[in-house]
Amino acid sequence: MDNIIMSLGIVAYNEEDFLPSLLQDIFNQSFPKAQTEILFINSMSTDKTCRIFQEFKENDGCFKVSFTDTFDS
């Protein structure tokens, strides 16, 4: 059974300039990372938003991270 207590949903469209600072702010929170899940939804971005989401998912070991790209639909 997962011990997830908090879920964050991030829906983004062409937010490559703002995502790094947002992800850093989330990482800096004092809430237990192991009890946090982050749901990334890329809303058909044409910039590097999707790549930033994917890299965070691949490199982060603290949060439970899910990623959906609306191009996959």
PDB file of N, CA and C in Angstrom:
ATOM      1  N   MET A   1       0.850  -1.196   0.000  1.00  0.00           N
ATOM      2  CA  MET A   1       0.000   0.000   0.000  1.00  0.00           C
ATOM      3  C   MET A   1       0.886   1.246   0.000  1.00  0.00           C
ATOM      4  N   ASP A   2       0.590   2.165  -0.906  1.00  0.00           N
ATOM      5  CA  ASP A   2       1.344   3.415  -0.963  1.00  0.00           C
ATOM      6  C   ASP A   2       1.016   4.280   0.244  1.00  0.00           C
ATOM      7  N   ASN A   3       1.993   5.028   0.662  1.00  0.00           N
ATOM      8  CA  ASN A   3       1.824   5.939   1.779  1.00  0.00           C
ATOM      9  C   ASN A   3       1.682   7.378   1.296  1.00  0.00           C
ATOM     10  N   ILE A   4       1.116   7.571   0.114  1.00  0.00           N
ATOM     11  CA  ILE A   4       0.989   8.905  -0.465  1.00  0.00           C
ATOM     12  C   ILE A   4      -0.056   9.694   0.325  1.00  0.00           C
ATOM     13  N   ILE A   5       0.347  10.872   0.748  1.00  0.00           N
ATOM     14  CA  ILE A   5      -0.558  11.738   1.490  1.00  0.00           C
ATOM     15  C   ILE A   5      -0.894  12.990   0.690  1.00  0.00           C
ATOM     16  N   MET A   6       0.031  13.432  -0.153  1.00  0.00           N
ATOM     17  CA  MET A   6      -0.209  14.643  -0.924  1.00  0.00           C
ATOM     18  C   MET A   6       0.083  14.376  -2.397  1.00  0.00           C
ATOM     19  N   SER A   7      -0.823  14.822  -3.267  1.00  0.00           N
ATOM     20  CA  SER A   7      -0.640  14.732  -4.718  1.00  0.00           C
ATOM     21  C   SER A   7      -0.604  16.141  -5.287  1.00  0.00           C
ATOM     22  N   LEU A   8       0.375  16.380  -6.148  1.00  0.00           N
ATOM     23  CA  LEU A   8       0.480  17.661  -6.848  1.00  0.00           C
ATOM     24  C   LEU A   8       0.253  17.403  -8.329  1.00  0.00           C
ATOM     25  N   GLY A   9      -0.660  18.134  -8.925  1.00  0.00           N
ATOM     26  CA  GLY A   9      -0.895  18.033 -10.359  1.00  0.00           C
ATOM     27  C   GLY A   9      -0.348  19.274 -11.042  1.00  0.00           C
ATOM     28  N   ILE A  10       0.515  19.071 -12.023  1.00  0.00           N
ATOM     29  CA  ILE A  10       1.095  20.186 -12.772  1.00  0.00           C
ATOM     30  C   ILE A  10       0.729  20.002 -14.237  1.00  0.00           C
ATOM     31  N   VAL A  11      -0.106  20.893 -14.727  1.00  0.00           N
ATOM     32  CA  VAL A  11      -0.476  20.900 -16.143  1.00  0.00           C
ATOM     33  C   VAL A  11       0.262  22.075 -16.765  1.00  0.00           C
ATOM     34  N   ALA A  12       0.988  21.819 -17.843  1.00  0.00           N
ATOM     35  CA  ALA A  12       1.812  22.881 -18.403  1.00  0.00           C
ATOM     36  C   ALA A  12       1.745  22.912 -19.918  1.00  0.00           C
ATOM     37  N   TYR A  13       1.779  24.105 -20.435  1.00  0.00           N
ATOM     38  CA  TYR A  13       1.870  24.339 -21.873  1.00  0.00           C
ATOM     39  C   TYR A  13       2.965  25.382 -22.101  1.00  0.00           C
ATOM     40  N   ASN A  14       4.059  24.973 -22.736  1.00  0.00           N
ATOM     41  CA  ASN A  14       5.172  25.871 -23.045  1.00  0.00           C
ATOM     42  C   ASN A  14       5.659  26.648 -21.814  1.00  0.00           C
ATOM     43  N   GLU A  15       6.033  25.918 -20.785  1.00  0.00           N
ATOM     44  CA  GLU A  15       6.479  26.528 -19.531  1.00  0.00           C
ATOM     45  C   GLU A  15       7.954  26.263 -19.237  1.00  0.00           C
ATOM     46  N   GLU A  16       8.761  26.049 -20.267  1.00  0.00           N
ATOM     47  CA  GLU A  16      10.167  25.706 -20.044  1.00  0.00           C
ATOM     48  C   GLU A  16      10.913  26.762 -19.233  1.00  0.00           C
ATOM     49  N   ASP A  17      10.525  28.015 -19.317  1.00  0.00           N
ATOM     50  CA  ASP A  17      11.221  29.067 -18.576  1.00  0.00           C
ATOM     51  C   ASP A  17      10.876  29.057 -17.087  1.00  0.00           C
ATOM     52  N   PHE A  18       9.732  28.497 -16.727  1.00  0.00           N
ATOM     53  CA  PHE A  18       9.267  28.558 -15.345  1.00  0.00           C
ATOM     54  C   PHE A  18       9.362  27.225 -14.604  1.00  0.00           C
ATOM     55  N   LEU A  19       9.408  26.120 -15.326  1.00  0.00           N
ATOM     56  CA  LEU A  19       9.416  24.802 -14.679  1.00  0.00           C
ATOM     57  C   LEU A  19      10.607  24.553 -13.763  1.00  0.00           C
ATOM     58  N   PRO A  20      11.827  24.891 -14.151  1.00  0.00           N
ATOM     59  CA  PRO A  20      12.948  24.605 -13.254  1.00  0.00           C
ATOM     60  C   PRO A  20      12.784  25.233 -11.867  1.00  0.00           C
ATOM     61  N   SER A  21      12.350  26.481 -11.801  1.00  0.00           N
ATOM     62  CA  SER A  21      12.178  27.110 -10.487  1.00  0.00           C
ATOM     63  C   SER A  21      10.994  26.511  -9.739  1.00  0.00           C
ATOM     64  N   LEU A  22       9.934  26.142 -10.448  1.00  0.00           N
ATOM     65  CA  LEU A  22       8.798  25.495  -9.798  1.00  0.00           C
ATOM     66  C   LEU A  22       9.213  24.154  -9.199  1.00  0.00           C
ATOM     67  N   LEU A  23       9.937  23.353  -9.956  1.00  0.00           N
ATOM     68  CA  LEU A  23      10.380  22.055  -9.461  1.00  0.00           C
ATOM     69  C   LEU A  23      11.337  22.209  -8.285  1.00  0.00           C
ATOM     70  N   GLN A  24      12.186  23.225  -8.327  1.00  0.00           N
ATOM     71  CA  GLN A  24      13.087  23.474  -7.195  1.00  0.00           C
ATOM     72  C   GLN A  24      12.288  23.868  -5.952  1.00  0.00           C
ATOM     73  N   ASP A  25      11.264  24.699  -6.132  1.00  0.00           N
ATOM     74  CA  ASP A  25      10.407  25.091  -5.004  1.00  0.00           C
ATOM     75  C   ASP A  25       9.701  23.880  -4.399  1.00  0.00           C
ATOM     76  N   ILE A  26       9.221  22.979  -5.253  1.00  0.00           N
ATOM     77  CA  ILE A  26       8.573  21.764  -4.756  1.00  0.00           C
ATOM     78  C   ILE A  26       9.581  20.911  -3.988  1.00  0.00           C
ATOM     79  N   PHE A  27      10.779  20.778  -4.540  1.00  0.00           N
ATOM     80  CA  PHE A  27      11.820  19.983  -3.894  1.00  0.00           C
ATOM     81  C   PHE A  27      12.203  20.563  -2.534  1.00  0.00           C
ATOM     82  N   ASN A  28      12.166  21.876  -2.400  1.00  0.00           N
ATOM     83  CA  ASN A  28      12.576  22.547  -1.156  1.00  0.00           C
ATOM     84  C   ASN A  28      11.519  22.518  -0.056  1.00  0.00           C
ATOM     85  N   GLN A  29      10.327  22.038  -0.344  1.00  0.00           N
ATOM     86  CA  GLN A  29       9.280  21.983   0.672  1.00  0.00           C
ATOM     87  C   GLN A  29       9.687  21.042   1.805  1.00  0.00           C
ATOM     88  N   SER A  30       9.155  21.311   2.987  1.00  0.00           N
ATOM     89  CA  SER A  30       9.502  20.488   4.147  1.00  0.00           C
ATOM     90  C   SER A  30       8.604  19.256   4.278  1.00  0.00           C
ATOM     91  N   PHE A  31       7.545  19.161   3.492  1.00  0.00           N
ATOM     92  CA  PHE A  31       6.656  18.002   3.549  1.00  0.00           C
ATOM     93  C   PHE A  31       7.443  16.768   3.107  1.00  0.00           C
ATOM     94  N   PRO A  32       7.234  15.618   3.742  1.00  0.00           N
ATOM     95  CA  PRO A  32       8.011  14.418   3.394  1.00  0.00           C
ATOM     96  C   PRO A  32       7.876  14.037   1.911  1.00  0.00           C
ATOM     97  N   LYS A  33       8.995  13.983   1.244  1.00  0.00           N
ATOM     98  CA  LYS A  33       9.007  13.697  -0.192  1.00  0.00           C
ATOM     99  C   LYS A  33       8.485  12.300  -0.509  1.00  0.00           C
ATOM    100  N   ALA A  34       8.738  11.358   0.382  1.00  0.00           N
ATOM    101  CA  ALA A  34       8.285   9.989   0.163  1.00  0.00           C
ATOM    102  C   ALA A  34       6.767   9.876   0.226  1.00  0.00           C
ATOM    103  N   GLN A  35       6.105  10.869   0.772  1.00  0.00           N
ATOM    104  CA  GLN A  35       4.641  10.855   0.875  1.00  0.00           C
ATOM    105  C   GLN A  35       4.000  11.798  -0.137  1.00  0.00           C
ATOM    106  N   THR A  36       4.770  12.197  -1.128  1.00  0.00           N
ATOM    107  CA  THR A  36       4.301  13.142  -2.138  1.00  0.00           C
ATOM    108  C   THR A  36       4.388  12.508  -3.516  1.00  0.00           C
ATOM    109  N   GLU A  37       3.316  12.647  -4.283  1.00  0.00           N
ATOM    110  CA  GLU A  37       3.369  12.235  -5.684  1.00  0.00           C
ATOM    111  C   GLU A  37       3.161  13.466  -6.545  1.00  0.00           C
ATOM    112  N   ILE A  38       3.832  13.489  -7.680  1.00  0.00           N
ATOM    113  CA  ILE A  38       3.720  14.600  -8.624  1.00  0.00           C
ATOM    114  C   ILE A  38       3.202  14.033  -9.934  1.00  0.00           C
ATOM    115  N   LEU A  39       2.113  14.603 -10.416  1.00  0.00           N
ATOM    116  CA  LEU A  39       1.500  14.182 -11.679  1.00  0.00           C
ATOM    117  C   LEU A  39       1.771  15.282 -12.704  1.00  0.00           C
ATOM    118  N   PHE A  40       2.620  15.000 -13.672  1.00  0.00           N
ATOM    119  CA  PHE A  40       2.940  15.953 -14.725  1.00  0.00           C
ATOM    120  C   PHE A  40       2.042  15.689 -15.918  1.00  0.00           C
ATOM    121  N   ILE A  41       1.425  16.745 -16.427  1.00  0.00           N
ATOM    122  CA  ILE A  41       0.615  16.643 -17.639  1.00  0.00           C
ATOM    123  C   ILE A  41       1.109  17.702 -18.609  1.00  0.00           C
ATOM    124  N   ASN A  42       1.690  17.249 -19.694  1.00  0.00           N
ATOM    125  CA  ASN A  42       2.169  18.152 -20.729  1.00  0.00           C
ATOM    126  C   ASN A  42       1.026  18.400 -21.703  1.00  0.00           C
ATOM    127  N   SER A  43       0.628  19.638 -21.831  1.00  0.00           N
ATOM    128  CA  SER A  43      -0.537  19.983 -22.636  1.00  0.00           C
ATOM    129  C   SER A  43      -0.125  20.461 -24.031  1.00  0.00           C
ATOM    130  N   MET A  44       0.467  19.533 -24.796  1.00  0.00           N
ATOM    131  CA  MET A  44       0.841  19.783 -26.188  1.00  0.00           C
ATOM    132  C   MET A  44       1.864  20.908 -26.353  1.00  0.00           C
ATOM    133  N   SER A  45       2.812  21.002 -25.432  1.00  0.00           N
ATOM    134  CA  SER A  45       3.855  22.024 -25.519  1.00  0.00           C
ATOM    135  C   SER A  45       4.717  21.813 -26.753  1.00  0.00           C
ATOM    136  N   THR A  46       5.227  22.919 -27.270  1.00  0.00           N
ATOM    137  CA  THR A  46       6.114  22.865 -28.425  1.00  0.00           C
ATOM    138  C   THR A  46       7.534  23.297 -28.047  1.00  0.00           C
ATOM    139  N   ASP A  47       7.762  23.600 -26.767  1.00  0.00           N
ATOM    140  CA  ASP A  47       9.092  23.975 -26.303  1.00  0.00           C
ATOM    141  C   ASP A  47       9.713  22.790 -25.555  1.00  0.00           C
ATOM    142  N   LYS A  48      10.567  23.031 -24.586  1.00  0.00           N
ATOM    143  CA  LYS A  48      11.258  21.968 -23.856  1.00  0.00           C
ATOM    144  C   LYS A  48      10.516  21.504 -22.594  1.00  0.00           C
ATOM    145  N   THR A  49       9.263  21.886 -22.446  1.00  0.00           N
ATOM    146  CA  THR A  49       8.489  21.496 -21.266  1.00  0.00           C
ATOM    147  C   THR A  49       8.486  19.986 -21.080  1.00  0.00           C
ATOM    148  N   CYS A  50       8.212  19.250 -22.125  1.00  0.00           N
ATOM    149  CA  CYS A  50       8.143  17.792 -22.053  1.00  0.00           C
ATOM    150  C   CYS A  50       9.482  17.206 -21.616  1.00  0.00           C
ATOM    151  N   ARG A  51      10.566  17.705 -22.172  1.00  0.00           N
ATOM    152  CA  ARG A  51      11.903  17.218 -21.825  1.00  0.00           C
ATOM    153  C   ARG A  51      12.210  17.478 -20.349  1.00  0.00           C
ATOM    154  N   ILE A  52      11.835  18.660 -19.856  1.00  0.00           N
ATOM    155  CA  ILE A  52      12.068  18.991 -18.445  1.00  0.00           C
ATOM    156  C   ILE A  52      11.289  18.043 -17.543  1.00  0.00           C
ATOM    157  N   PHE A  53      10.030  17.778 -17.876  1.00  0.00           N
ATOM    158  CA  PHE A  53       9.234  16.810 -17.107  1.00  0.00           C
ATOM    159  C   PHE A  53       9.904  15.439 -17.107  1.00  0.00           C
ATOM    160  N   GLN A  54      10.305  14.977 -18.293  1.00  0.00           N
ATOM    161  CA  GLN A  54      10.916  13.647 -18.420  1.00  0.00           C
ATOM    162  C   GLN A  54      12.213  13.558 -17.622  1.00  0.00           C
ATOM    163  N   GLU A  55      13.053  14.579 -17.721  1.00  0.00           N
ATOM    164  CA  GLU A  55      14.320  14.569 -16.988  1.00  0.00           C
ATOM    165  C   GLU A  55      14.095  14.542 -15.486  1.00  0.00           C
ATOM    166  N   PHE A  56      13.112  15.301 -15.005  1.00  0.00           N
ATOM    167  CA  PHE A  56      12.821  15.287 -13.573  1.00  0.00           C
ATOM    168  C   PHE A  56      12.373  13.893 -13.151  1.00  0.00           C
ATOM    169  N   LYS A  57      11.514  13.289 -13.951  1.00  0.00           N
ATOM    170  CA  LYS A  57      11.022  11.944 -13.633  1.00  0.00           C
ATOM    171  C   LYS A  57      12.169  10.938 -13.595  1.00  0.00           C
ATOM    172  N   GLU A  58      13.075  11.026 -14.555  1.00  0.00           N
ATOM    173  CA  GLU A  58      14.184  10.076 -14.637  1.00  0.00           C
ATOM    174  C   GLU A  58      15.227  10.283 -13.546  1.00  0.00           C
ATOM    175  N   ASN A  59      15.440  11.520 -13.128  1.00  0.00           N
ATOM    176  CA  ASN A  59      16.527  11.839 -12.204  1.00  0.00           C
ATOM    177  C   ASN A  59      16.117  11.964 -10.751  1.00  0.00           C
ATOM    178  N   ASP A  60      14.836  12.127 -10.471  1.00  0.00           N
ATOM    179  CA  ASP A  60      14.398  12.308  -9.098  1.00  0.00           C
ATOM    180  C   ASP A  60      14.225  10.957  -8.420  1.00  0.00           C
ATOM    181  N   GLY A  61      14.725  10.838  -7.223  1.00  0.00           N
ATOM    182  CA  GLY A  61      14.576   9.595  -6.488  1.00  0.00           C
ATOM    183  C   GLY A  61      13.749   9.747  -5.229  1.00  0.00           C
ATOM    184  N   CYS A  62      13.207  10.918  -5.009  1.00  0.00           N
ATOM    185  CA  CYS A  62      12.502  11.199  -3.754  1.00  0.00           C
ATOM    186  C   CYS A  62      10.985  11.092  -3.877  1.00  0.00           C
ATOM    187  N   PHE A  63      10.431  11.597  -4.956  1.00  0.00           N
ATOM    188  CA  PHE A  63       8.990  11.663  -5.144  1.00  0.00           C
ATOM    189  C   PHE A  63       8.502  10.502  -6.006  1.00  0.00           C
ATOM    190  N   LYS A  64       7.229  10.188  -5.892  1.00  0.00           N
ATOM    191  CA  LYS A  64       6.595   9.309  -6.878  1.00  0.00           C
ATOM    192  C   LYS A  64       6.157  10.225  -8.013  1.00  0.00           C
ATOM    193  N   VAL A  65       6.634   9.987  -9.216  1.00  0.00           N
ATOM    194  CA  VAL A  65       6.392  10.883 -10.339  1.00  0.00           C
ATOM    195  C   VAL A  65       5.699  10.130 -11.465  1.00  0.00           C
ATOM    196  N   SER A  66       4.598  10.708 -11.969  1.00  0.00           N
ATOM    197  CA  SER A  66       3.898  10.174 -13.135  1.00  0.00           C
ATOM    198  C   SER A  66       3.911  11.254 -14.211  1.00  0.00           C
ATOM    199  N   PHE A  67       3.951  10.812 -15.469  1.00  0.00           N
ATOM    200  CA  PHE A  67       4.032  11.770 -16.579  1.00  0.00           C
ATOM    201  C   PHE A  67       3.068  11.344 -17.673  1.00  0.00           C
ATOM    202  N   THR A  68       2.317  12.319 -18.177  1.00  0.00           N
ATOM    203  CA  THR A  68       1.429  12.096 -19.307  1.00  0.00           C
ATOM    204  C   THR A  68       1.653  13.209 -20.316  1.00  0.00           C
ATOM    205  N   ASP A  69       1.798  12.819 -21.557  1.00  0.00           N
ATOM    206  CA  ASP A  69       1.939  13.799 -22.636  1.00  0.00           C
ATOM    207  C   ASP A  69       0.669  13.724 -23.467  1.00  0.00           C
ATOM    208  N   THR A  70      -0.031  14.831 -23.634  1.00  0.00           N
ATOM    209  CA  THR A  70      -1.293  14.813 -24.354  1.00  0.00           C
ATOM    210  C   THR A  70      -1.124  14.453 -25.818  1.00  0.00           C
ATOM    211  N   PHE A  71       0.100  14.489 -26.366  1.00  0.00           N
ATOM    212  CA  PHE A  71       0.334  14.022 -27.729  1.00  0.00           C
ATOM    213  C   PHE A  71       0.155  12.523 -27.836  1.00  0.00           C
ATOM    214  N   ASP A  72       0.260  11.797 -26.711  1.00  0.00           N
ATOM    215  CA  ASP A  72       0.123  10.348 -26.715  1.00  0.00           C
ATOM    216  C   ASP A  72      -1.314   9.887 -26.899  1.00  0.00           C
ATOM    217  N   SER A  73      -2.275  10.784 -26.716  1.00  0.00           N
ATOM    218  CA  SER A  73      -3.692  10.403 -26.760  1.00  0.00           C
ATOM    219  C   SER A  73      -4.138  10.043 -28.155  1.00  0.00           C
TER     220      SER A  73
END
